[in-house]
PDB file of N, CA and C in Angstrom:
ATOM      1  N   MET A   1       6.046  -9.463  -1.148  1.00  0.00           N
ATOM      2  CA  MET A   1       4.896  -9.512  -1.124  1.00  0.00           C
ATOM      3  C   MET A   1       4.120 -10.241   0.350  1.00  0.00           C
ATOM      4  N   LEU A   2       5.066 -11.436   0.483  1.00  0.00           N
ATOM      5  CA  LEU A   2       4.666 -12.814   1.293  1.00  0.00           C
ATOM      6  C   LEU A   2       5.015 -12.031   3.227  1.00  0.00           C
ATOM      7  N   ALA A   3       5.936 -11.461   3.287  1.00  0.00           N
ATOM      8  CA  ALA A   3       6.682 -11.264   3.824  1.00  0.00           C
ATOM      9  C   ALA A   3       5.691  -9.841   5.103  1.00  0.00           C
ATOM     10  N   CYS A   4       5.169  -8.900   4.076  1.00  0.00           N
ATOM     11  CA  CYS A   4       4.181  -8.216   4.282  1.00  0.00           C
ATOM     12  C   CYS A   4       2.509  -8.809   4.404  1.00  0.00           C
ATOM     13  N   SER A   5       2.671  -9.171   3.968  1.00  0.00           N
ATOM     14  CA  SER A   5       1.104 -10.011   4.396  1.00  0.00           C
ATOM     15  C   SER A   5       1.379 -11.239   5.320  1.00  0.00           C
ATOM     16  N   ARG A   6       2.732 -11.425   5.945  1.00  0.00           N
ATOM     17  CA  ARG A   6       2.821 -12.620   7.150  1.00  0.00           C
ATOM     18  C   ARG A   6       3.060 -11.474   7.981  1.00  0.00           C
ATOM     19  N   ILE A   7       3.883 -10.380   7.934  1.00  0.00           N
ATOM     20  CA  ILE A   7       4.054  -9.697   9.197  1.00  0.00           C
ATOM     21  C   ILE A   7       2.917  -8.736   9.611  1.00  0.00           C
ATOM     22  N   ASN A   8       2.272  -8.478   9.024  1.00  0.00           N
ATOM     23  CA  ASN A   8       1.204  -7.132   8.931  1.00  0.00           C
ATOM     24  C   ASN A   8      -0.234  -7.462   8.920  1.00  0.00           C
ATOM     25  N   VAL A   9      -0.450  -8.618   8.878  1.00  0.00           N
ATOM     26  CA  VAL A   9      -2.071  -9.584   8.820  1.00  0.00           C
ATOM     27  C   VAL A   9      -1.850 -10.703   9.445  1.00  0.00           C
ATOM     28  N   ASN A  10      -0.701 -11.313   9.664  1.00  0.00           N
ATOM     29  CA  ASN A  10      -0.153 -12.448   9.968  1.00  0.00           C
ATOM     30  C   ASN A  10      -1.414 -13.495   9.103  1.00  0.00           C
ATOM     31  N   SER A  11      -0.699 -13.678   7.636  1.00  0.00           N
ATOM     32  CA  SER A  11      -1.365 -14.196   6.680  1.00  0.00           C
ATOM     33  C   SER A  11      -0.289 -14.593   6.080  1.00  0.00           C
ATOM     34  N   VAL A  12      -0.391 -16.161   5.111  1.00  0.00           N
ATOM     35  CA  VAL A  12       1.144 -16.023   4.064  1.00  0.00           C
ATOM     36  C   VAL A  12       0.135 -16.175   2.657  1.00  0.00           C
ATOM     37  N   SER A  13      -0.202 -14.858   3.040  1.00  0.00           N
ATOM     38  CA  SER A  13      -0.995 -15.002   0.847  1.00  0.00           C
ATOM     39  C   SER A  13      -0.793 -13.870   0.102  1.00  0.00           C
ATOM     40  N   LEU A  14      -0.713 -13.936  -1.043  1.00  0.00           N
ATOM     41  CA  LEU A  14      -0.766 -12.845  -1.786  1.00  0.00           C
ATOM     42  C   LEU A  14      -1.787 -11.267  -1.760  1.00  0.00           C
ATOM     43  N   ILE A  15      -2.811 -11.806  -1.347  1.00  0.00           N
ATOM     44  CA  ILE A  15      -4.114 -11.371  -1.125  1.00  0.00           C
ATOM     45  C   ILE A  15      -3.881 -10.331  -0.413  1.00  0.00           C
ATOM     46  N   ASP A  16      -3.138 -11.309   1.139  1.00  0.00           N
ATOM     47  CA  ASP A  16      -3.455 -10.460   1.788  1.00  0.00           C
ATOM     48  C   ASP A  16      -2.336  -9.180   2.223  1.00  0.00           C
ATOM     49  N   SER A  17      -1.016  -8.973   0.935  1.00  0.00           N
ATOM     50  CA  SER A  17      -0.106  -7.888   0.499  1.00  0.00           C
ATOM     51  C   SER A  17      -0.571  -6.615   0.438  1.00  0.00           C
ATOM     52  N   ALA A  18       0.087  -5.265   0.954  1.00  0.00           N
ATOM     53  CA  ALA A  18       0.062  -4.049   0.955  1.00  0.00           C
ATOM     54  C   ALA A  18       0.850  -3.896  -0.560  1.00  0.00           C
ATOM     55  N   ILE A  19       1.451  -4.079  -0.525  1.00  0.00           N
ATOM     56  CA  ILE A  19       2.437  -4.151  -1.758  1.00  0.00           C
ATOM     57  C   ILE A  19       2.075  -5.366  -3.100  1.00  0.00           C
ATOM     58  N   ASP A  20       2.364  -5.245  -4.181  1.00  0.00           N
ATOM     59  CA  ASP A  20       2.014  -5.761  -5.398  1.00  0.00           C
ATOM     60  C   ASP A  20       3.380  -5.403  -6.104  1.00  0.00           C
ATOM     61  N   ILE A  21       3.309  -6.971  -6.663  1.00  0.00           N
ATOM     62  CA  ILE A  21       5.392  -7.090  -7.536  1.00  0.00           C
ATOM     63  C   ILE A  21       4.839  -7.806  -8.745  1.00  0.00           C
ATOM     64  N   ARG A  22       4.545  -7.238 -10.062  1.00  0.00           N
ATOM     65  CA  ARG A  22       4.026  -8.174 -11.199  1.00  0.00           C
ATOM     66  C   ARG A  22       4.988  -7.519 -11.913  1.00  0.00           C
ATOM     67  N   THR A  23       4.565  -8.448 -12.886  1.00  0.00           N
ATOM     68  CA  THR A  23       5.949  -8.066 -14.596  1.00  0.00           C
ATOM     69  C   THR A  23       5.003  -7.038 -15.205  1.00  0.00           C
ATOM     70  N   SER A  24       5.393  -6.679 -15.704  1.00  0.00           N
ATOM     71  CA  SER A  24       5.195  -5.725 -17.123  1.00  0.00           C
ATOM     72  C   SER A  24       4.814  -6.219 -18.699  1.00  0.00           C
ATOM     73  N   GLY A  25       4.405  -7.309 -18.497  1.00  0.00           N
ATOM     74  CA  GLY A  25       4.588  -8.021 -19.601  1.00  0.00           C
ATOM     75  C   GLY A  25       5.090  -9.483 -19.843  1.00  0.00           C
ATOM     76  N   GLY A  26       5.226 -10.494 -19.193  1.00  0.00           N
ATOM     77  CA  GLY A  26       5.842 -11.251 -19.220  1.00  0.00           C
ATOM     78  C   GLY A  26       6.735 -11.857 -18.101  1.00  0.00           C
ATOM     79  N   LEU A  27       7.446 -12.833 -17.991  1.00  0.00           N
ATOM     80  CA  LEU A  27       8.074 -13.190 -17.501  1.00  0.00           C
ATOM     81  C   LEU A  27       9.887 -12.800 -17.928  1.00  0.00           C
ATOM     82  N   GLU A  28       9.939 -12.244 -19.010  1.00  0.00           N
ATOM     83  CA  GLU A  28      11.220 -11.814 -18.837  1.00  0.00           C
ATOM     84  C   GLU A  28      11.394 -10.695 -18.947  1.00  0.00           C
ATOM     85  N   SER A  29      10.412  -9.713 -18.624  1.00  0.00           N
ATOM     86  CA  SER A  29       9.838  -8.377 -18.691  1.00  0.00           C
ATOM     87  C   SER A  29      10.101  -7.167 -17.067  1.00  0.00           C
ATOM     88  N   ALA A  30      10.822  -6.886 -17.207  1.00  0.00           N
ATOM     89  CA  ALA A  30      10.939  -5.972 -16.726  1.00  0.00           C
ATOM     90  C   ALA A  30       9.362  -6.125 -15.021  1.00  0.00           C
ATOM     91  N   PHE A  31       9.994  -5.525 -14.228  1.00  0.00           N
ATOM     92  CA  PHE A  31       8.870  -5.799 -12.670  1.00  0.00           C
ATOM     93  C   PHE A  31       8.126  -4.498 -12.504  1.00  0.00           C
ATOM     94  N   GLU A  32       7.126  -4.196 -12.385  1.00  0.00           N
ATOM     95  CA  GLU A  32       6.734  -3.253 -11.468  1.00  0.00           C
ATOM     96  C   GLU A  32       6.189  -3.343 -10.190  1.00  0.00           C
ATOM     97  N   ILE A  33       6.099  -2.469  -9.263  1.00  0.00           N
ATOM     98  CA  ILE A  33       6.254  -2.375  -8.070  1.00  0.00           C
ATOM     99  C   ILE A  33       4.932  -1.629  -7.825  1.00  0.00           C
ATOM    100  N   ILE A  34       4.199  -1.653  -6.940  1.00  0.00           N
ATOM    101  CA  ILE A  34       2.582  -0.781  -7.062  1.00  0.00           C
ATOM    102  C   ILE A  34       2.674  -0.925  -5.234  1.00  0.00           C
ATOM    103  N   VAL A  35       2.881   0.384  -5.009  1.00  0.00           N
ATOM    104  CA  VAL A  35       2.913   0.608  -3.861  1.00  0.00           C
ATOM    105  C   VAL A  35       2.921   2.207  -3.118  1.00  0.00           C
ATOM    106  N   CYS A  36       1.795   2.310  -2.100  1.00  0.00           N
ATOM    107  CA  CYS A  36       1.585   3.701  -1.579  1.00  0.00           C
ATOM    108  C   CYS A  36       3.263   4.792  -1.291  1.00  0.00           C
ATOM    109  N   ARG A  37       2.991   5.319  -2.659  1.00  0.00           N
ATOM    110  CA  ARG A  37       3.710   6.697  -2.330  1.00  0.00           C
ATOM    111  C   ARG A  37       3.732   7.598  -1.442  1.00  0.00           C
ATOM    112  N   ALA A  38       3.072   7.058   0.011  1.00  0.00           N
ATOM    113  CA  ALA A  38       2.896   8.546   0.406  1.00  0.00           C
ATOM    114  C   ALA A  38       3.065  10.162   0.741  1.00  0.00           C
ATOM    115  N   CYS A  39       2.282  10.265  -0.663  1.00  0.00           N
ATOM    116  CA  CYS A  39       1.861  11.274  -0.957  1.00  0.00           C
ATOM    117  C   CYS A  39       1.525  12.459   0.676  1.00  0.00           C
ATOM    118  N   HIS A  40       2.091  13.825   0.373  1.00  0.00           N
ATOM    119  CA  HIS A  40       2.103  14.388   1.327  1.00  0.00           C
ATOM    120  C   HIS A  40       0.396  14.911   1.109  1.00  0.00           C
ATOM    121  N   ASP A  41      -0.639  15.090   0.173  1.00  0.00           N
ATOM    122  CA  ASP A  41      -2.045  15.553   0.062  1.00  0.00           C
ATOM    123  C   ASP A  41      -2.511  13.835  -0.122  1.00  0.00           C
ATOM    124  N   PRO A  42      -2.807  13.377   0.498  1.00  0.00           N
ATOM    125  CA  PRO A  42      -3.107  12.709  -0.075  1.00  0.00           C
ATOM    126  C   PRO A  42      -4.295  12.314  -0.790  1.00  0.00           C
ATOM    127  N   PRO A  43      -4.975  12.320  -2.203  1.00  0.00           N
ATOM    128  CA  PRO A  43      -6.218  12.447  -2.643  1.00  0.00           C
ATOM    129  C   PRO A  43      -7.281  11.144  -2.074  1.00  0.00           C
ATOM    130  N   CYS A  44      -6.536   9.888  -1.133  1.00  0.00           N
ATOM    131  CA  CYS A  44      -7.033   8.820  -1.086  1.00  0.00           C
ATOM    132  C   CYS A  44      -7.499   9.414   0.109  1.00  0.00           C
ATOM    133  N   ALA A  45      -7.169   9.932   0.996  1.00  0.00           N
ATOM    134  CA  ALA A  45      -8.029  10.361   2.860  1.00  0.00           C
ATOM    135  C   ALA A  45      -8.630  11.611   1.970  1.00  0.00           C
ATOM    136  N   ARG A  46      -8.736  12.341   1.084  1.00  0.00           N
ATOM    137  CA  ARG A  46      -9.364  13.542   0.492  1.00  0.00           C
ATOM    138  C   ARG A  46     -10.992  12.818  -0.022  1.00  0.00           C
ATOM    139  N   ALA A  47     -10.979  11.302  -0.657  1.00  0.00           N
ATOM    140  CA  ALA A  47     -11.620  11.276  -1.328  1.00  0.00           C
ATOM    141  C   ALA A  47     -12.898  10.450   0.048  1.00  0.00           C
ATOM    142  N   CYS A  48     -12.132   9.541   0.951  1.00  0.00           N
ATOM    143  CA  CYS A  48     -12.708   9.095   1.807  1.00  0.00           C
ATOM    144  C   CYS A  48     -13.945   9.768   2.780  1.00  0.00           C
ATOM    145  N   PRO A  49     -15.309   9.065   2.077  1.00  0.00           N
ATOM    146  CA  PRO A  49     -16.365  10.160   2.477  1.00  0.00           C
ATOM    147  C   PRO A  49     -16.678   9.660   4.562  1.00  0.00           C
ATOM    148  N   THR A  50     -16.045   9.062   5.097  1.00  0.00           N
ATOM    149  CA  THR A  50     -16.323   8.493   6.284  1.00  0.00           C
ATOM    150  C   THR A  50     -14.996   9.227   7.141  1.00  0.00           C
ATOM    151  N   GLY A  51     -13.762   9.432   6.785  1.00  0.00           N
ATOM    152  CA  GLY A  51     -13.023   9.569   7.655  1.00  0.00           C
ATOM    153  C   GLY A  51     -11.904   8.507   7.551  1.00  0.00           C
ATOM    154  N   ALA A  52     -11.893   7.877   6.629  1.00  0.00           N
ATOM    155  CA  ALA A  52     -11.152   6.711   7.738  1.00  0.00           C
ATOM    156  C   ALA A  52      -9.557   6.383   7.351  1.00  0.00           C
ATOM    157  N   LEU A  53     -10.198   7.050   6.699  1.00  0.00           N
ATOM    158  CA  LEU A  53      -8.146   7.814   6.087  1.00  0.00           C
ATOM    159  C   LEU A  53      -8.131   8.859   5.873  1.00  0.00           C
ATOM    160  N   THR A  54      -6.362   9.159   7.233  1.00  0.00           N
ATOM    161  CA  THR A  54      -6.028  11.111   7.398  1.00  0.00           C
ATOM    162  C   THR A  54      -5.105  10.727   7.255  1.00  0.00           C
ATOM    163  N   PRO A  55      -4.466  11.564   7.047  1.00  0.00           N
ATOM    164  CA  PRO A  55      -2.929  12.376   6.271  1.00  0.00           C
ATOM    165  C   PRO A  55      -2.285  11.627   7.746  1.00  0.00           C
ATOM    166  N   ARG A  56      -1.198  11.177   7.615  1.00  0.00           N
ATOM    167  CA  ARG A  56       0.250  10.858   7.907  1.00  0.00           C
ATOM    168  C   ARG A  56       0.765  11.930   8.025  1.00  0.00           C
ATOM    169  N   ASP A  57       1.334  12.127   9.553  1.00  0.00           N
ATOM    170  CA  ASP A  57       2.746  13.688   9.056  1.00  0.00           C
ATOM    171  C   ASP A  57       4.110  12.714   8.612  1.00  0.00           C
ATOM    172  N   GLY A  58       4.707  13.150   7.365  1.00  0.00           N
ATOM    173  CA  GLY A  58       5.318  12.606   6.850  1.00  0.00           C
ATOM    174  C   GLY A  58       4.566  12.168   5.355  1.00  0.00           C
ATOM    175  N   GLY A  59       3.785  12.531   5.168  1.00  0.00           N
ATOM    176  CA  GLY A  59       3.140  11.347   4.038  1.00  0.00           C
ATOM    177  C   GLY A  59       2.730   9.846   4.263  1.00  0.00           C
ATOM    178  N   GLY A  60       1.319   9.900   3.573  1.00  0.00           N
ATOM    179  CA  GLY A  60       1.047   8.623   3.475  1.00  0.00           C
ATOM    180  C   GLY A  60      -0.391   9.067   3.916  1.00  0.00           C
ATOM    181  N   VAL A  61      -1.237   8.091   4.072  1.00  0.00           N
ATOM    182  CA  VAL A  61      -2.185   8.006   5.904  1.00  0.00           C
ATOM    183  C   VAL A  61      -2.310   6.826   6.508  1.00  0.00           C
ATOM    184  N   VAL A  62      -3.225   6.569   7.808  1.00  0.00           N
ATOM    185  CA  VAL A  62      -3.290   6.330   8.824  1.00  0.00           C
ATOM    186  C   VAL A  62      -4.612   5.751   8.556  1.00  0.00           C
ATOM    187  N   PHE A  63      -4.630   4.311   8.803  1.00  0.00           N
ATOM    188  CA  PHE A  63      -6.052   3.705   8.052  1.00  0.00           C
ATOM    189  C   PHE A  63      -6.841   3.213  10.057  1.00  0.00           C
ATOM    190  N   ASN A  64      -8.126   4.152   9.538  1.00  0.00           N
ATOM    191  CA  ASN A  64      -9.260   3.194  10.918  1.00  0.00           C
ATOM    192  C   ASN A  64      -9.939   2.382  10.251  1.00  0.00           C
ATOM    193  N   LYS A  65     -10.035   1.380  10.215  1.00  0.00           N
ATOM    194  CA  LYS A  65     -10.594   0.264   9.793  1.00  0.00           C
ATOM    195  C   LYS A  65     -12.604  -0.019   9.982  1.00  0.00           C
ATOM    196  N   ASP A  66     -12.362   0.856  11.977  1.00  0.00           N
ATOM    197  CA  ASP A  66     -13.557   0.784  12.467  1.00  0.00           C
ATOM    198  C   ASP A  66     -14.849   1.746  11.518  1.00  0.00           C
ATOM    199  N   LEU A  67     -14.046   3.344  10.553  1.00  0.00           N
ATOM    200  CA  LEU A  67     -14.884   3.981   9.893  1.00  0.00           C
ATOM    201  C   LEU A  67     -15.156   3.130   8.571  1.00  0.00           C
ATOM    202  N   CYS A  68     -14.167   2.973   8.750  1.00  0.00           N
ATOM    203  CA  CYS A  68     -13.868   2.479   6.995  1.00  0.00           C
ATOM    204  C   CYS A  68     -15.991   1.272   6.455  1.00  0.00           C
ATOM    205  N   ASP A  69     -16.232   1.825   5.306  1.00  0.00           N
ATOM    206  CA  ASP A  69     -17.768   1.496   4.774  1.00  0.00           C
ATOM    207  C   ASP A  69     -17.469   0.287   3.959  1.00  0.00           C
ATOM    208  N   GLY A  70     -15.979   0.420   3.384  1.00  0.00           N
ATOM    209  CA  GLY A  70     -15.910  -0.788   1.916  1.00  0.00           C
ATOM    210  C   GLY A  70     -16.498   0.386   0.539  1.00  0.00           C
ATOM    211  N   CYS A  71     -16.416   1.165   0.183  1.00  0.00           N
ATOM    212  CA  CYS A  71     -16.886   1.991  -0.772  1.00  0.00           C
ATOM    213  C   CYS A  71     -16.232   2.006  -1.979  1.00  0.00           C
ATOM    214  N   LYS A  72     -14.717   2.145  -1.848  1.00  0.00           N
ATOM    215  CA  LYS A  72     -13.560   1.832  -2.841  1.00  0.00           C
ATOM    216  C   LYS A  72     -13.302   3.376  -3.140  1.00  0.00           C
ATOM    217  N   ALA A  73     -14.161   4.272  -2.776  1.00  0.00           N
ATOM    218  CA  ALA A  73     -13.336   5.600  -3.269  1.00  0.00           C
ATOM    219  C   ALA A  73     -12.295   6.139  -3.260  1.00  0.00           C
ATOM    220  N   CYS A  74     -11.535   5.158  -1.867  1.00  0.00           N
ATOM    221  CA  CYS A  74     -10.011   5.492  -2.144  1.00  0.00           C
ATOM    222  C   CYS A  74      -8.921   5.486  -2.957  1.00  0.00           C
ATOM    223  N   ALA A  75      -9.819   3.603  -4.094  1.00  0.00           N
ATOM    224  CA  ALA A  75      -8.838   3.416  -4.670  1.00  0.00           C
ATOM    225  C   ALA A  75      -8.904   3.647  -5.925  1.00  0.00           C
ATOM    226  N   GLN A  76     -10.242   4.319  -6.079  1.00  0.00           N
ATOM    227  CA  GLN A  76     -10.838   4.893  -7.255  1.00  0.00           C
ATOM    228  C   GLN A  76      -9.792   6.723  -7.550  1.00  0.00           C
ATOM    229  N   ALA A  77      -9.288   6.814  -6.683  1.00  0.00           N
ATOM    230  CA  ALA A  77      -8.620   8.170  -6.089  1.00  0.00           C
ATOM    231  C   ALA A  77      -7.599   8.003  -5.990  1.00  0.00           C
ATOM    232  N   CYS A  78      -6.669   6.642  -5.928  1.00  0.00           N
ATOM    233  CA  CYS A  78      -5.186   6.287  -5.762  1.00  0.00           C
ATOM    234  C   CYS A  78      -4.697   6.519  -7.225  1.00  0.00           C
ATOM    235  N   LEU A  79      -3.798   7.303  -7.810  1.00  0.00           N
ATOM    236  CA  LEU A  79      -3.093   7.909  -8.959  1.00  0.00           C
ATOM    237  C   LEU A  79      -2.574   6.353  -9.086  1.00  0.00           C
ATOM    238  N   PRO A  80      -1.174   6.053  -8.431  1.00  0.00           N
ATOM    239  CA  PRO A  80      -0.225   4.799  -8.243  1.00  0.00           C
ATOM    240  C   PRO A  80      -1.270   3.510  -8.961  1.00  0.00           C
ATOM    241  N   GLY A  81      -2.542   3.531  -8.123  1.00  0.00           N
ATOM    242  CA  GLY A  81      -3.395   1.775  -7.719  1.00  0.00           C
ATOM    243  C   GLY A  81      -2.568   0.980  -6.770  1.00  0.00           C
ATOM    244  N   ALA A  82      -1.980   1.838  -5.734  1.00  0.00           N
ATOM    245  CA  ALA A  82      -1.835   1.228  -5.007  1.00  0.00           C
ATOM    246  C   ALA A  82      -2.490   0.471  -3.434  1.00  0.00           C
ATOM    247  N   ILE A  83      -3.788   1.020  -3.983  1.00  0.00           N
ATOM    248  CA  ILE A  83      -5.104   0.681  -2.046  1.00  0.00           C
ATOM    249  C   ILE A  83      -5.100  -0.982  -2.589  1.00  0.00           C
ATOM    250  N   HIS A  84      -4.726  -1.494  -2.329  1.00  0.00           N
ATOM    251  CA  HIS A  84      -5.173  -3.469  -2.403  1.00  0.00           C
ATOM    252  C   HIS A  84      -6.333  -3.440  -1.678  1.00  0.00           C
ATOM    253  N   PHE A  85      -6.775  -4.663  -1.849  1.00  0.00           N
ATOM    254  CA  PHE A  85      -8.475  -5.235  -0.649  1.00  0.00           C
ATOM    255  C   PHE A  85      -8.046  -6.750  -0.309  1.00  0.00           C
ATOM    256  N   ASP A  86      -8.480  -6.590   1.298  1.00  0.00           N
ATOM    257  CA  ASP A  86      -8.366  -7.575   2.012  1.00  0.00           C
ATOM    258  C   ASP A  86      -9.865  -8.901   0.653  1.00  0.00           C
ATOM    259  N   ARG A  87      -9.538  -9.778   1.897  1.00  0.00           N
ATOM    260  CA  ARG A  87     -11.105 -11.004   1.277  1.00  0.00           C
ATOM    261  C   ARG A  87     -12.430 -10.037   1.761  1.00  0.00           C
ATOM    262  N   SER A  88     -12.279  -9.233   3.078  1.00  0.00           N
ATOM    263  CA  SER A  88     -13.641  -8.856   3.737  1.00  0.00           C
ATOM    264  C   SER A  88     -13.670  -7.569   2.848  1.00  0.00           C
ATOM    265  N   GLY A  89     -12.896  -6.986   1.995  1.00  0.00           N
ATOM    266  CA  GLY A  89     -13.511  -5.799   1.403  1.00  0.00           C
ATOM    267  C   GLY A  89     -13.292  -4.604   1.450  1.00  0.00           C
ATOM    268  N   LEU A  90     -12.138  -4.453   3.009  1.00  0.00           N
ATOM    269  CA  LEU A  90     -11.428  -3.243   3.094  1.00  0.00           C
ATOM    270  C   LEU A  90      -9.739  -3.267   2.740  1.00  0.00           C
ATOM    271  N   PRO A  91      -9.375  -1.691   2.581  1.00  0.00           N
ATOM    272  CA  PRO A  91      -8.550  -1.446   1.569  1.00  0.00           C
ATOM    273  C   PRO A  91      -7.446  -2.119   2.949  1.00  0.00           C
ATOM    274  N   LEU A  92      -5.935  -2.585   2.412  1.00  0.00           N
ATOM    275  CA  LEU A  92      -4.677  -2.616   2.330  1.00  0.00           C
ATOM    276  C   LEU A  92      -4.151  -1.280   2.395  1.00  0.00           C
ATOM    277  N   ILE A  93      -3.609  -0.651   2.842  1.00  0.00           N
ATOM    278  CA  ILE A  93      -2.330   0.187   2.763  1.00  0.00           C
ATOM    279  C   ILE A  93      -0.664   0.304   2.805  1.00  0.00           C
ATOM    280  N   CYS A  94      -0.301  -0.114   2.754  1.00  0.00           N
ATOM    281  CA  CYS A  94       1.039   0.723   2.752  1.00  0.00           C
ATOM    282  C   CYS A  94       1.471   1.620   4.285  1.00  0.00           C
ATOM    283  N   THR A  95       2.086   0.949   5.142  1.00  0.00           N
ATOM    284  CA  THR A  95       2.573   1.996   5.974  1.00  0.00           C
ATOM    285  C   THR A  95       3.978   1.892   6.608  1.00  0.00           C
ATOM    286  N   HIS A  96       4.460   1.695   5.284  1.00  0.00           N
ATOM    287  CA  HIS A  96       6.391   1.505   5.067  1.00  0.00           C
ATOM    288  C   HIS A  96       6.657   1.349   6.523  1.00  0.00           C
ATOM    289  N   CYS A  97       6.836   0.528   6.395  1.00  0.00           N
ATOM    290  CA  CYS A  97       7.029  -0.084   7.794  1.00  0.00           C
ATOM    291  C   CYS A  97       8.508  -1.568   7.430  1.00  0.00           C
ATOM    292  N   GLY A  98       8.419  -0.659   6.138  1.00  0.00           N
ATOM    293  CA  GLY A  98      10.049  -1.454   5.013  1.00  0.00           C
ATOM    294  C   GLY A  98      10.185  -3.185   5.946  1.00  0.00           C
ATOM    295  N   VAL A  99       9.025  -3.697   6.235  1.00  0.00           N
ATOM    296  CA  VAL A  99       9.857  -5.370   6.262  1.00  0.00           C
ATOM    297  C   VAL A  99       9.883  -6.135   4.737  1.00  0.00           C
ATOM    298  N   CYS A 100       9.088  -5.106   3.773  1.00  0.00           N
ATOM    299  CA  CYS A 100       9.432  -5.242   2.096  1.00  0.00           C
ATOM    300  C   CYS A 100      10.416  -5.894   1.873  1.00  0.00           C
ATOM    301  N   SER A 101      11.331  -4.928   2.264  1.00  0.00           N
ATOM    302  CA  SER A 101      13.164  -4.489   2.035  1.00  0.00           C
ATOM    303  C   SER A 101      13.677  -5.199   2.522  1.00  0.00           C
ATOM    304  N   LYS A 102      13.190  -5.954   4.316  1.00  0.00           N
ATOM    305  CA  LYS A 102      14.220  -6.467   4.996  1.00  0.00           C
ATOM    306  C   LYS A 102      14.250  -7.774   4.293  1.00  0.00           C
ATOM    307  N   PHE A 103      13.343  -7.941   3.995  1.00  0.00           N
ATOM    308  CA  PHE A 103      12.983  -9.541   3.107  1.00  0.00           C
ATOM    309  C   PHE A 103      13.283  -9.560   2.010  1.00  0.00           C
ATOM    310  N   CYS A 104      13.328  -8.755   1.207  1.00  0.00           N
ATOM    311  CA  CYS A 104      13.772  -8.688  -0.632  1.00  0.00           C
ATOM    312  C   CYS A 104      15.004  -9.958  -0.568  1.00  0.00           C
ATOM    313  N   SER A 105      14.608 -10.693  -0.782  1.00  0.00           N
ATOM    314  CA  SER A 105      16.030 -11.752  -0.943  1.00  0.00           C
ATOM    315  C   SER A 105      17.161 -11.350  -2.533  1.00  0.00           C
ATOM    316  N   HIS A 106      16.458 -10.055  -3.399  1.00  0.00           N
ATOM    317  CA  HIS A 106      17.327  -9.576  -4.286  1.00  0.00           C
ATOM    318  C   HIS A 106      17.803  -8.294  -4.686  1.00  0.00           C
ATOM    319  N   ASP A 107      17.543  -7.558  -2.463  1.00  0.00           N
ATOM    320  CA  ASP A 107      17.800  -6.029  -2.823  1.00  0.00           C
ATOM    321  C   ASP A 107      17.449  -5.805  -3.679  1.00  0.00           C
ATOM    322  N   VAL A 108      16.309  -5.684  -4.183  1.00  0.00           N
ATOM    323  CA  VAL A 108      15.593  -4.876  -5.436  1.00  0.00           C
ATOM    324  C   VAL A 108      15.024  -3.784  -4.778  1.00  0.00           C
ATOM    325  N   LEU A 109      14.524  -3.926  -3.200  1.00  0.00           N
ATOM    326  CA  LEU A 109      13.564  -2.986  -2.609  1.00  0.00           C
ATOM    327  C   LEU A 109      14.358  -2.333  -2.040  1.00  0.00           C
ATOM    328  N   GLU A 110      13.744  -0.859  -1.531  1.00  0.00           N
ATOM    329  CA  GLU A 110      14.941  -0.381   0.034  1.00  0.00           C
ATOM    330  C   GLU A 110      13.941   1.033   0.262  1.00  0.00           C
ATOM    331  N   LEU A 111      13.536   0.912   1.293  1.00  0.00           N
ATOM    332  CA  LEU A 111      13.030   2.268   2.266  1.00  0.00           C
ATOM    333  C   LEU A 111      13.958   3.386   2.314  1.00  0.00           C
ATOM    334  N   ILE A 112      13.667   4.602   1.967  1.00  0.00           N
ATOM    335  CA  ILE A 112      14.156   5.717   2.236  1.00  0.00           C
ATOM    336  C   ILE A 112      13.674   7.032   2.411  1.00  0.00           C
ATOM    337  N   LYS A 113      14.222   7.312   3.459  1.00  0.00           N
ATOM    338  CA  LYS A 113      13.366   8.644   3.553  1.00  0.00           C
ATOM    339  C   LYS A 113      13.981   9.941   2.534  1.00  0.00           C
ATOM    340  N   VAL A 114      12.767  10.476   1.860  1.00  0.00           N
ATOM    341  CA  VAL A 114      12.706  11.532   1.101  1.00  0.00           C
ATOM    342  C   VAL A 114      12.516  12.752   1.815  1.00  0.00           C
ATOM    343  N   GLU A 115      13.110  13.608   1.769  1.00  0.00           N
ATOM    344  CA  GLU A 115      13.102  14.994   2.495  1.00  0.00           C
ATOM    345  C   GLU A 115      12.349  15.730   1.206  1.00  0.00           C
ATOM    346  N   VAL A 116      11.215  16.637   2.150  1.00  0.00           N
ATOM    347  CA  VAL A 116      10.371  17.019   0.797  1.00  0.00           C
ATOM    348  C   VAL A 116      11.119  18.823   0.665  1.00  0.00           C
ATOM    349  N   LEU A 117      10.767  19.894  -0.791  1.00  0.00           N
ATOM    350  CA  LEU A 117      11.832  20.631  -0.281  1.00  0.00           C
ATOM    351  C   LEU A 117      10.673  21.761  -0.009  1.00  0.00           C
TER     352      LEU A 117
END
């Protein structure tokens, strides 16, 4: 999470990460990774009333912060709950850059290309 915030928004803060890693119920339980699943028909983009989110070739979305009004309709439409918000109320959405997997010290995260049939 820190690698994501440092590389993508020049901050060292868990709040500024587009990926969220947390336990599913205590220190000894499994971890959950909450991140954009790169939908091919992203409900977040369909829900965006201003066109700030547009589908990206290959899945996921491109975010245009100049068009965003901070309504949070995208987050309500996101099934895995993968849209996080920065301190100003704008969405942080994973761009699938791979920096989280590169810096994961336990090799838990991996960025792979999935072929859609």
